[in-house]
Protein backbone atom coordinates (compact mmCIF):
# COMPACT_ATOMS: atom_id res chain seq x y z
CA MET A 1 0.01 -0.17 -0.03
CA LYS A 2 1.09 3.77 -1.13
CA ASN A 3 0.61 6.60 0.68
CA GLU A 4 -2.39 7.50 -0.90
CA ILE A 5 -5.68 5.39 -1.07
CA HIS A 6 -6.31 4.02 -4.78
CA GLU A 7 -9.08 1.91 -5.95
CA GLU A 8 -8.96 -1.02 -8.36
CA CYS A 9 -10.66 -0.54 -11.78
CA GLY A 10 -13.11 1.61 -14.32
CA VAL A 11 -15.46 -0.25 -16.52
CA PHE A 12 -17.04 0.48 -19.67
CA GLY A 13 -19.27 -1.35 -22.73
CA ILE A 14 -21.60 -0.68 -25.29
CA TYR A 15 -23.86 -2.28 -27.68
CA SER A 16 -24.36 -0.59 -31.05
CA PRO A 17 -26.96 -1.66 -33.93
CA ASP A 18 -26.88 1.86 -35.12
CA GLY A 19 -23.16 2.05 -36.74
CA ILE A 20 -21.17 4.20 -33.53
CA ASP A 21 -17.76 3.23 -33.36
CA VAL A 22 -18.01 1.55 -30.64
CA ALA A 23 -13.84 1.47 -30.11
CA SER A 24 -13.51 5.12 -30.04
CA ALA A 25 -16.66 5.00 -27.73
CA CYS A 26 -14.58 2.96 -25.06
CA TYR A 27 -11.31 5.14 -25.82
CA TYR A 28 -13.26 8.10 -24.85
CA GLY A 29 -15.20 6.47 -22.31
CA LEU A 30 -11.76 4.91 -20.47
CA TYR A 31 -10.24 8.66 -20.74
CA ALA A 32 -13.17 9.65 -18.58
CA LEU A 33 -12.70 6.92 -16.33
CA GLN A 34 -8.64 7.11 -16.31
CA HIS A 35 -8.76 8.28 -12.47
CA ARG A 36 -10.12 4.61 -11.68
CA GLY A 37 -6.81 2.86 -12.79
CA GLN A 38 -3.69 3.98 -14.27
CA GLU A 39 -1.80 0.86 -14.01
CA SER A 40 -2.87 -0.83 -17.57
CA CYS A 41 -5.80 -0.44 -19.82
CA GLY A 42 -7.60 -2.52 -22.93
CA ILE A 43 -10.28 -2.50 -25.20
CA ALA A 44 -12.24 -5.40 -26.63
CA VAL A 45 -14.34 -5.32 -29.86
CA ASN A 46 -16.82 -7.57 -31.00
CA ASP A 47 -16.86 -7.67 -34.77
CA LYS A 48 -19.55 -10.28 -36.05
CA GLY A 49 -18.79 -12.84 -33.17
CA VAL A 50 -15.44 -12.59 -33.41
CA ILE A 51 -13.40 -10.74 -30.17
CA HIS A 52 -10.55 -8.41 -30.92
CA CYS A 53 -8.41 -7.17 -27.84
CA TYR A 54 -5.95 -4.82 -27.45
CA LYS A 55 -4.22 -4.03 -24.01
CA ASN A 56 -1.29 -3.01 -22.60
CA VAL A 57 0.62 -1.30 -19.58
CA GLY A 58 0.38 2.62 -19.13
CA LEU A 59 -2.62 5.45 -19.39
CA VAL A 60 -4.94 5.67 -22.09
CA ASN A 61 -3.27 7.66 -24.32
CA GLU A 62 -0.32 6.07 -24.15
CA VAL A 63 -1.84 2.80 -25.00
CA PHE A 64 -4.11 3.41 -27.84
CA THR A 65 -2.20 4.96 -30.53
CA LYS A 66 -3.48 5.18 -33.93
CA GLU A 67 -2.15 1.79 -35.02
CA ALA A 68 -3.51 0.24 -31.72
CA MET A 69 -6.73 1.33 -32.68
CA SER A 70 -6.84 0.55 -36.32
CA GLU A 71 -5.53 -3.29 -34.60
CA ILE A 72 -9.09 -3.87 -32.76
CA GLY A 73 -11.14 -2.35 -35.31
CA THR A 74 -14.81 -1.94 -35.50
CA GLY A 75 -17.79 -3.80 -34.95
CA CYS A 76 -21.27 -3.80 -33.45
CA MET A 77 -20.08 -3.50 -29.59
CA ALA A 78 -17.47 -3.61 -27.04
CA ILE A 79 -16.00 -3.38 -23.42
CA ALA A 80 -13.00 -1.50 -21.94
CA HIS A 81 -10.94 -1.82 -18.86
CA ALA A 82 -8.70 1.02 -16.93
CA ARG A 83 -7.16 -0.94 -14.19
CA TYR A 84 -4.87 0.02 -10.55
CA GLY A 85 -3.18 -2.83 -9.39
CA THR A 86 -3.16 -3.18 -5.72
CA ALA A 87 -0.29 -5.36 -5.64
CA GLY A 88 1.65 -7.50 -7.55
CA THR A 89 4.52 -7.80 -10.15
CA TYR A 90 2.81 -8.94 -13.19
CA PRO A 91 0.72 -5.33 -14.30
CA ARG A 92 1.10 -6.98 -18.37
CA ARG A 93 -0.74 -10.24 -17.29
CA ASN A 94 -3.55 -8.64 -15.38
CA ALA A 95 -4.53 -6.07 -17.83
CA GLN A 96 -7.88 -6.57 -18.77
CA PRO A 97 -10.46 -7.25 -20.84
CA LEU A 98 -9.87 -10.91 -20.56
CA VAL A 99 -10.55 -12.50 -23.24
CA VAL A 100 -11.52 -16.43 -23.25
CA ASN A 101 -12.31 -19.32 -26.08
CA HIS A 102 -14.17 -22.15 -24.73
CA ILE A 103 -16.40 -25.08 -26.13
CA LYS A 104 -19.59 -22.75 -26.01
CA GLY A 105 -18.09 -19.63 -27.69
CA THR A 106 -15.69 -16.59 -26.58
CA MET A 107 -16.11 -14.55 -24.12
CA ALA A 108 -14.43 -11.25 -22.93
CA LEU A 109 -15.19 -9.71 -19.23
CA ALA A 110 -13.53 -7.02 -17.58
CA HIS A 111 -14.34 -6.07 -13.57
CA ASN A 112 -13.87 -3.93 -11.03
CA GLY A 113 -13.90 -4.74 -7.25
CA ALA A 114 -12.23 -7.66 -5.15
CA LEU A 115 -13.46 -11.53 -4.19
CA THR A 116 -13.67 -12.48 -0.87
CA ASN A 117 -13.78 -16.13 -1.41
CA ALA A 118 -11.38 -16.27 -4.57
CA THR A 119 -8.34 -18.42 -2.83
CA GLU A 120 -10.61 -21.05 -2.02
CA LEU A 121 -12.54 -20.89 -5.17
CA ARG A 122 -9.32 -20.94 -7.34
CA GLU A 123 -7.77 -23.77 -5.68
CA LYS A 124 -11.21 -25.83 -6.22
CA LEU A 125 -11.00 -24.86 -9.89
CA GLU A 126 -7.17 -25.50 -10.24
CA LEU A 127 -7.91 -28.94 -8.56
CA GLY A 128 -10.44 -29.72 -11.12
CA GLY A 129 -8.00 -28.85 -13.88
CA SER A 130 -8.53 -25.27 -14.38
CA ILE A 131 -5.17 -23.32 -15.93
CA PHE A 132 -4.90 -20.09 -14.58
CA HIS A 133 -2.66 -17.25 -16.83
CA THR A 134 -3.31 -14.27 -14.52
CA THR A 135 -2.87 -13.45 -10.80
CA SER A 136 -6.29 -11.15 -10.69
CA ASP A 137 -9.57 -12.40 -9.04
CA THR A 138 -11.12 -11.90 -12.59
CA GLU A 139 -9.89 -14.80 -13.92
CA VAL A 140 -12.07 -16.57 -11.14
CA ILE A 141 -14.90 -15.49 -12.30
CA THR A 142 -14.44 -16.14 -15.83
CA HIS A 143 -13.49 -19.65 -14.54
CA GLU A 144 -16.93 -19.92 -12.69
CA ILE A 145 -18.77 -18.81 -15.85
CA ILE A 146 -17.15 -20.76 -18.30
CA GLN A 147 -17.86 -24.08 -15.60
CA ALA A 148 -21.57 -22.58 -15.50
CA ARG A 149 -21.89 -22.41 -19.31
CA LEU A 150 -21.10 -26.08 -20.16
CA THR A 151 -24.62 -26.46 -18.66
CA SER A 152 -26.88 -23.49 -18.94
CA ALA A 153 -28.90 -22.96 -21.63
CA SER A 154 -27.28 -19.20 -21.87
CA ILE A 155 -24.88 -16.80 -21.26
CA GLU A 156 -26.72 -15.14 -18.48
CA GLU A 157 -28.12 -18.03 -16.95
CA ALA A 158 -24.21 -18.53 -16.23
CA VAL A 159 -23.42 -15.65 -14.99
CA SER A 160 -26.36 -16.11 -12.65
CA ARG A 161 -24.86 -19.05 -11.52
CA MET A 162 -21.68 -18.28 -11.10
CA MET A 163 -23.19 -15.33 -8.69
CA ASP A 164 -24.58 -18.26 -6.42
CA VAL A 165 -21.05 -18.89 -5.49
CA VAL A 166 -18.42 -15.73 -5.68
CA GLU A 167 -18.66 -13.32 -3.39
CA GLY A 168 -17.59 -9.68 -2.34
CA ALA A 169 -17.29 -6.64 -4.90
CA TYR A 170 -17.52 -7.34 -8.51
CA SER A 171 -18.93 -4.77 -11.21
CA LEU A 172 -19.03 -6.54 -14.74
CA VAL A 173 -19.00 -5.78 -18.53
CA ILE A 174 -19.58 -9.12 -20.43
CA MET A 175 -19.53 -9.82 -24.06
CA SER A 176 -20.13 -12.97 -26.03
CA PRO A 177 -20.59 -13.42 -29.13
CA LYS A 178 -23.98 -12.30 -29.81
CA LYS A 179 -24.73 -10.19 -26.15
CA LEU A 180 -23.49 -7.30 -23.80
CA ILE A 181 -24.01 -7.96 -20.16
CA ALA A 182 -23.66 -5.55 -17.20
CA VAL A 183 -23.48 -7.33 -13.77
CA ARG A 184 -23.76 -5.79 -9.85
CA ASP A 185 -22.88 -7.80 -6.87
CA LYS A 186 -25.66 -8.27 -4.47
CA TYR A 187 -24.28 -5.92 -1.92
CA GLY A 188 -23.44 -2.99 -4.73
CA PHE A 189 -20.05 -2.53 -3.57
CA ARG A 190 -19.03 -0.80 -6.84
CA PRO A 191 -20.83 1.55 -8.88
CA LEU A 192 -22.30 0.39 -11.97
CA CYS A 193 -24.72 2.69 -13.99
CA MET A 194 -26.74 2.60 -17.70
CA GLY A 195 -27.41 5.21 -20.60
CA THR A 196 -28.29 5.50 -24.08
CA ILE A 197 -27.05 6.72 -27.45
CA GLY A 198 -29.43 6.76 -30.54
CA GLN A 199 -30.23 3.53 -30.61
CA SER A 200 -26.84 2.31 -28.69
CA THR A 201 -26.93 1.12 -24.84
CA VAL A 202 -24.03 1.61 -22.73
CA PHE A 203 -22.90 0.56 -19.09
CA ALA A 204 -20.17 2.34 -17.44
CA SER A 205 -18.52 2.64 -14.02
CA GLU A 206 -19.34 6.13 -13.14
CA SER A 207 -21.83 8.62 -15.38
CA CYS A 208 -18.93 10.88 -16.35
CA ALA A 209 -18.28 8.48 -19.06
CA LEU A 210 -21.53 8.53 -20.50
CA ASP A 211 -21.06 12.44 -20.40
CA SER A 212 -18.23 11.81 -22.35
CA ILE A 213 -19.19 10.24 -25.58
CA GLY A 214 -22.70 12.31 -25.31
CA ALA A 215 -24.74 9.77 -24.18
CA THR A 216 -27.95 9.99 -21.64
CA PHE A 217 -28.10 8.77 -18.33
CA VAL A 218 -30.94 6.17 -17.74
CA ARG A 219 -30.16 4.81 -14.34
CA ASP A 220 -27.70 2.71 -11.89
CA ILE A 221 -27.67 -0.60 -12.10
CA LYS A 222 -29.21 -2.15 -8.75
CA PRO A 223 -27.35 -4.73 -6.82
CA GLY A 224 -27.28 -7.93 -7.69
CA GLU A 225 -28.92 -6.70 -11.36
CA ILE A 226 -27.95 -8.40 -14.30
CA VAL A 227 -28.50 -6.52 -17.70
CA ILE A 228 -28.44 -7.93 -21.16
CA VAL A 229 -28.48 -6.25 -24.28
CA ASP A 230 -28.90 -8.11 -27.73
CA LYS A 231 -30.77 -8.03 -30.84
CA ASN A 232 -34.05 -7.91 -29.26
CA GLY A 233 -32.92 -5.07 -26.83
CA VAL A 234 -32.76 -4.92 -23.08
CA ARG A 235 -33.70 -7.07 -20.36
CA SER A 236 -32.53 -7.53 -16.65
CA ASP A 237 -32.42 -10.88 -14.29
CA GLU A 238 -33.48 -9.39 -10.96
CA SER A 239 -33.14 -13.07 -9.43
CA HIS A 240 -30.49 -11.76 -6.91
CA VAL A 241 -31.54 -8.24 -6.34
CA GLY A 242 -32.35 -7.53 -2.66
CA ILE A 243 -31.07 -10.62 -1.17
CA ARG A 244 -28.01 -8.80 0.68
CA PRO A 245 -28.34 -5.35 2.31
CA LYS A 246 -27.16 -2.57 -0.20
CA SER A 247 -23.81 -1.60 0.77
CA SER A 248 -21.73 0.90 -1.52
CA CYS A 249 -18.54 1.98 -0.83
CA VAL A 250 -18.80 5.36 1.05
CA PHE A 251 -15.52 6.29 -0.27
CA GLU A 252 -16.54 6.50 -3.81
CA TYR A 253 -18.20 9.97 -2.74
CA ILE A 254 -14.87 10.79 -0.71
CA TYR A 255 -12.22 10.00 -3.04
CA PHE A 256 -12.49 7.87 -5.76
CA ALA A 257 -15.23 8.95 -8.23
CA ARG A 258 -15.05 11.93 -9.89
CA PRO A 259 -17.09 14.83 -8.66
CA ASP A 260 -19.38 15.23 -11.92
CA SER A 261 -20.42 11.61 -11.24
CA VAL A 262 -23.77 10.72 -9.90
CA ILE A 263 -23.49 7.71 -8.13
CA ASP A 264 -26.86 5.63 -6.94
CA GLY A 265 -28.68 8.67 -7.21
CA SER A 266 -26.08 10.94 -5.26
CA SER A 267 -23.82 13.54 -6.72
CA VAL A 268 -20.35 13.32 -5.54
CA HIS A 269 -19.71 16.83 -5.99
CA ILE A 270 -22.68 17.74 -3.40
CA ALA A 271 -21.41 14.80 -1.10
CA ARG A 272 -18.18 16.37 -0.85
CA GLN A 273 -19.34 19.95 -0.16
CA ARG A 274 -21.65 18.05 2.40
CA ALA A 275 -18.44 16.56 4.46
CA GLY A 276 -17.37 19.80 4.78
CA SER A 277 -19.66 21.63 6.02
CA PHE A 278 -20.01 18.95 8.61
CA LEU A 279 -15.91 19.26 9.11
CA ALA A 280 -16.45 22.98 9.95
CA LEU A 281 -19.63 22.30 12.74
CA GLU A 282 -17.50 19.48 14.18
CA HIS A 283 -14.35 20.90 14.35
CA PRO A 284 -14.64 24.85 13.93
CA VAL A 285 -11.40 27.00 13.92
CA HIS A 286 -10.06 30.82 13.96
CA ALA A 287 -8.82 31.37 10.62
CA ASP A 288 -8.06 33.62 7.11
CA VAL A 289 -8.49 31.42 4.66
CA VAL A 290 -9.63 27.82 3.30
CA VAL A 291 -7.82 25.70 0.74
CA GLY A 292 -8.23 22.14 -0.49
CA VAL A 293 -5.74 19.70 -1.69
CA PRO A 294 -6.21 19.43 -5.14
CA ASP A 295 -8.35 17.62 -6.74
CA SER A 296 -10.67 15.86 -4.18
CA GLY A 297 -10.68 18.14 -1.24
CA ILE A 298 -11.26 20.97 -3.32
CA ASP A 299 -15.36 20.59 -2.82
CA ALA A 300 -14.70 19.90 0.53
CA ALA A 301 -13.00 22.83 1.32
CA VAL A 302 -15.60 24.87 -0.48
CA GLY A 303 -18.27 23.23 1.67
CA TYR A 304 -16.31 24.54 4.95
CA ALA A 305 -15.96 27.88 3.86
CA ARG A 306 -19.41 28.32 3.37
CA GLN A 307 -20.44 26.94 6.59
CA SER A 308 -17.71 28.85 8.41
CA GLY A 309 -18.00 31.86 6.81
CA ILE A 310 -13.81 31.51 6.45
CA PRO A 311 -13.23 33.01 2.85
CA TYR A 312 -12.22 30.01 0.34
CA GLY A 313 -9.13 30.72 -1.34
CA ILE A 314 -6.81 28.60 -4.23
CA GLY A 315 -4.09 27.41 -1.88
CA PHE A 316 -2.49 25.52 -4.41
CA ILE A 317 -1.72 25.14 -7.94
CA LYS A 318 -1.43 21.30 -9.55
CA ASN A 319 0.46 20.78 -12.16
CA LYS A 320 -1.59 18.12 -14.28
CA TYR A 321 1.56 17.25 -16.24
CA ILE A 322 3.62 15.23 -13.80
CA GLY A 323 3.95 11.72 -12.90
CA ARG A 324 1.59 10.16 -10.16
CA THR A 325 3.78 10.18 -6.94
CA PHE A 326 2.64 6.58 -5.66
CA ILE A 327 4.84 5.02 -8.20
CA GLN A 328 8.09 6.30 -7.24
CA PRO A 329 9.63 3.64 -5.54
CA VAL A 330 11.83 5.82 -3.47
CA GLN A 331 10.25 8.24 -0.14
CA ALA A 332 12.64 11.14 -1.38
CA ASP A 333 11.45 10.35 -4.71
CA ARG A 334 7.83 10.51 -3.84
CA GLU A 335 8.64 14.05 -1.82
CA ASP A 336 10.04 15.32 -4.47
CA LYS A 337 7.32 14.43 -7.03
CA VAL A 338 4.85 16.25 -4.35
CA ARG A 339 6.90 19.12 -4.47
CA ILE A 340 6.73 19.48 -8.08
CA LYS A 341 2.91 18.68 -8.51
CA LEU A 342 1.73 20.95 -6.04
CA ASN A 343 2.93 24.63 -5.48
CA PRO A 344 1.34 26.66 -2.88
CA VAL A 345 0.22 30.30 -3.55
CA SER A 346 2.22 32.39 -1.33
CA ALA A 347 -0.39 35.54 -2.06
CA VAL A 348 -2.93 33.46 -0.70
CA VAL A 349 -1.56 31.79 2.20
CA SER A 350 1.64 34.36 3.47
CA GLY A 351 1.03 35.14 7.28
CA LYS A 352 -2.55 33.34 6.83
CA ARG A 353 -4.12 31.16 9.61
CA VAL A 354 -5.02 28.44 7.10
CA VAL A 355 -7.61 25.41 7.26
CA LEU A 356 -6.26 23.04 4.99
CA VAL A 357 -8.57 20.59 3.53
CA ASP A 358 -7.85 17.03 2.21
CA ASP A 359 -9.56 13.98 1.59
CA SER A 360 -7.84 11.73 3.83
CA ILE A 361 -4.77 10.69 5.36
CA VAL A 362 -3.15 7.19 5.05
CA ARG A 363 0.46 7.08 6.43
CA GLY A 364 0.87 10.98 6.79
CA THR A 365 4.09 11.10 4.78
CA THR A 366 2.01 13.39 2.09
CA SER A 367 0.38 15.01 4.72
CA ALA A 368 3.07 16.27 5.96
CA ILE A 369 4.56 17.22 3.00
CA ILE A 370 2.04 19.22 1.99
CA VAL A 371 1.96 21.07 5.50
CA LYS A 372 5.45 22.02 5.27
CA LEU A 373 4.97 23.21 1.87
CA LEU A 374 2.05 25.82 3.66
CA ARG A 375 4.98 26.74 6.02
CA ASP A 376 7.58 27.59 3.68
CA ALA A 377 4.99 29.75 1.81
CA GLY A 378 4.50 31.71 5.03
CA ALA A 379 1.54 30.48 6.27
CA ALA A 380 1.50 31.60 10.25
CA GLU A 381 -0.65 28.38 11.25
CA VAL A 382 -2.17 25.42 9.46
CA HIS A 383 -5.22 23.65 10.78
CA VAL A 384 -5.82 20.12 8.89
CA ARG A 385 -9.36 19.31 8.25
CA ILE A 386 -9.48 15.64 6.64
CA SER A 387 -13.40 14.73 4.91
CA CYS A 388 -13.16 11.40 6.12
CA PRO A 389 -13.46 9.65 9.69
CA PRO A 390 -9.66 7.82 10.19
CA PHE A 391 -8.34 4.40 8.20
CA THR A 392 -8.60 2.27 11.12
CA HIS A 393 -9.66 -1.35 9.10
CA PRO A 394 -8.61 -3.24 6.12
CA CYS A 395 -10.70 -2.94 3.02
CA TYR A 396 -11.61 -6.71 1.18
CA PHE A 397 -13.67 -5.12 -1.50
CA GLY A 398 -11.53 -3.34 -4.25
CA THR A 399 -9.43 -0.94 -2.57
CA ASP A 400 -5.91 -0.97 -1.22
CA ILE A 401 -5.96 -1.06 2.30
CA ASP A 402 -4.71 -3.83 3.10
CA SER A 403 -2.94 -3.54 6.56
CA CYS A 404 -3.36 -2.02 9.85
CA ASP A 405 0.23 -1.64 10.16
CA ARG A 406 0.59 0.90 7.48
CA LEU A 407 -2.24 2.80 8.45
CA ILE A 408 -1.25 5.90 10.65
CA ALA A 409 -4.37 5.96 12.62
CA CYS A 410 -3.97 2.51 13.80
CA ARG A 411 -0.79 3.30 15.56
CA HIS A 412 -1.09 6.68 17.11
CA THR A 413 -3.52 8.90 18.36
CA LEU A 414 -4.81 11.95 17.31
CA ASP A 415 -2.79 14.17 18.64
CA GLU A 416 0.32 12.39 17.65
CA ILE A 417 -1.11 12.18 14.10
CA ARG A 418 -1.46 16.41 14.56
CA ASP A 419 2.28 16.67 15.19
CA ILE A 420 3.71 13.76 13.09
CA ILE A 421 2.23 15.62 9.96
CA GLY A 422 3.35 19.33 11.55
CA ALA A 423 -0.09 20.88 12.28
CA ASP A 424 -1.39 23.15 14.49
CA SER A 425 -5.06 21.45 14.66
CA LEU A 426 -6.37 17.86 13.36
CA GLY A 427 -9.84 17.18 12.76
CA PHE A 428 -11.38 14.09 10.76
CA LEU A 429 -15.01 13.82 10.17
CA SER A 430 -17.21 11.71 12.38
CA CYS A 431 -18.23 8.12 11.54
CA GLU A 432 -22.04 9.30 11.97
CA ASN A 433 -22.04 12.39 9.56
CA VAL A 434 -19.93 10.02 6.50
CA ARG A 435 -23.44 8.26 6.89
CA HIS A 436 -25.46 11.32 5.60
CA LEU A 437 -23.09 12.87 2.97
CA CYS A 438 -25.43 11.83 0.17
CA ASP A 439 -29.15 12.28 -0.49
CA ASN A 440 -29.90 8.27 0.11
CA THR A 441 -28.63 7.75 3.78
CA THR A 442 -28.60 4.20 3.83
CA GLY A 443 -27.06 1.26 2.53
CA PHE A 444 -23.02 2.48 2.62
CA CYS A 445 -20.26 0.17 3.11
CA ASP A 446 -17.80 2.07 6.14
CA GLY A 447 -15.96 -1.44 7.19
CA CYS A 448 -12.14 0.79 6.17
CA PHE A 449 -13.78 2.93 9.36
CA THR A 450 -15.29 1.39 11.53
CA GLY A 451 -14.23 -2.41 11.25
CA ASP A 452 -18.14 -3.40 10.56
CA TYR A 453 -18.46 -5.69 7.23
CA PRO A 454 -21.62 -6.35 5.40
CA CYS A 455 -19.86 -9.28 4.58
CA PRO A 456 -17.59 -11.86 6.16
CA PRO A 457 -13.40 -11.02 5.18
CA PRO A 458 -11.67 -13.57 3.28
CA GLU A 459 -9.79 -16.00 5.24
CA HIS A 460 -6.78 -15.40 2.87
CA PRO A 461 -6.52 -11.46 2.85
CA GLU A 462 -3.25 -10.96 1.51
CA LYS A 463 -3.53 -8.70 -1.72
CA ASN A 464 -0.61 -10.82 -3.34
CA ARG A 465 -1.58 -13.91 -2.62
CA PHE A 466 -1.81 -15.42 -5.63
CA GLU A 467 1.78 -13.94 -6.98
CA ARG A 468 3.19 -15.33 -3.68
CA LYS A 469 1.38 -18.65 -4.72
CA ILE A 470 3.41 -18.58 -7.76
CA MET A 471 6.82 -18.19 -6.22
CA GLU A 472 6.14 -20.75 -3.92
CA ASP A 473 5.51 -23.13 -6.64
CA ASP A 474 8.61 -22.31 -8.43
CA ILE A 475 10.41 -22.72 -5.95
């Protein structure tokens, strides 16, 4: 786990009976979902029942050159994936979509989330002769669907049977030679929505990806729902809907999602402003200016300023052309990257008592650098406010929070964290108010803050468990 929290993936799919360039639609959809995964990306296109796939390590504009786009060609439907790998040393091998050929045909699949019983299922499948080519949970899902497809009348029936045995978080887009299928797990951990453009049907992890291609948002996929699109139109299988309590990840609203997205009926932008308002009520302070850490801290900072009456100021300019800080292997390199990525505006903070609003503190290293940047720019005081509760427990549902040992809130008191990051004061949003950020105030998973999970944690929680097994088998 790195200094920042990251989500695993974004998925996109389109079925077009009216001649839309589905590969280009996926390209722009992935661009809109790039924040959800920057390790690798891929697009699979169905051309008259034949699936062509191109995927590689890198950002969307790096992977999909003009030559790559011509290689995958055109067709009537396509799915796409942007991946952030939480662990492991096989990024190219684990790139998605996964494309498999089996006795009943061909299938491509893209997955966002993490399974809680992947280890047990994979062991059972391997003992039955299944061969795995990746070290991700996603391949477990593909094998379970293929096994069920051998005795199922349709691909959607096989998907439904997969849902009977697979546990945990999964938002999926699946493509067979004739159908496009969207699936959301029974708890609804990760978002998935549906839209239309002309006669085409589109699925995406976030509504901002629909906007990027001019599609109209229709609705969110229900937890446990299977939506099938083919030549006969759109239909839904709700046999798994309502059998588990809805448990959407509340951190989607705090950090993961783009602020212009709407998830399960609630605006991410408004939710973050509410977080800032709650922070101002819970942790007031005498100050001269409120600033937010770009990008996900800005909306909360605006909310804090409005509620408190303290003026909002642009305290940092973000260099949008710098690489991601969390990929730097050496701590000194990460610190240099933060300094290049964020530059304080001294005219805004010099001589001022500053309220610094950010979305989270993981290990505290980045927060300490940012506080020091403000002090070096002349800030008289720095009061840090965090728009979520402290991380005190691992996440098992698609977020790279996998070890309490590396969470600063598990090892230090609030006063100790304040001193470590060099702030004059520190306040976190309460667990009570984090549940009231959205218009829909029920049905959230906040296990990383409370340790109260909606389903049992995995028996083997290590996120590199499959990589480790490969290395052990090689010895």
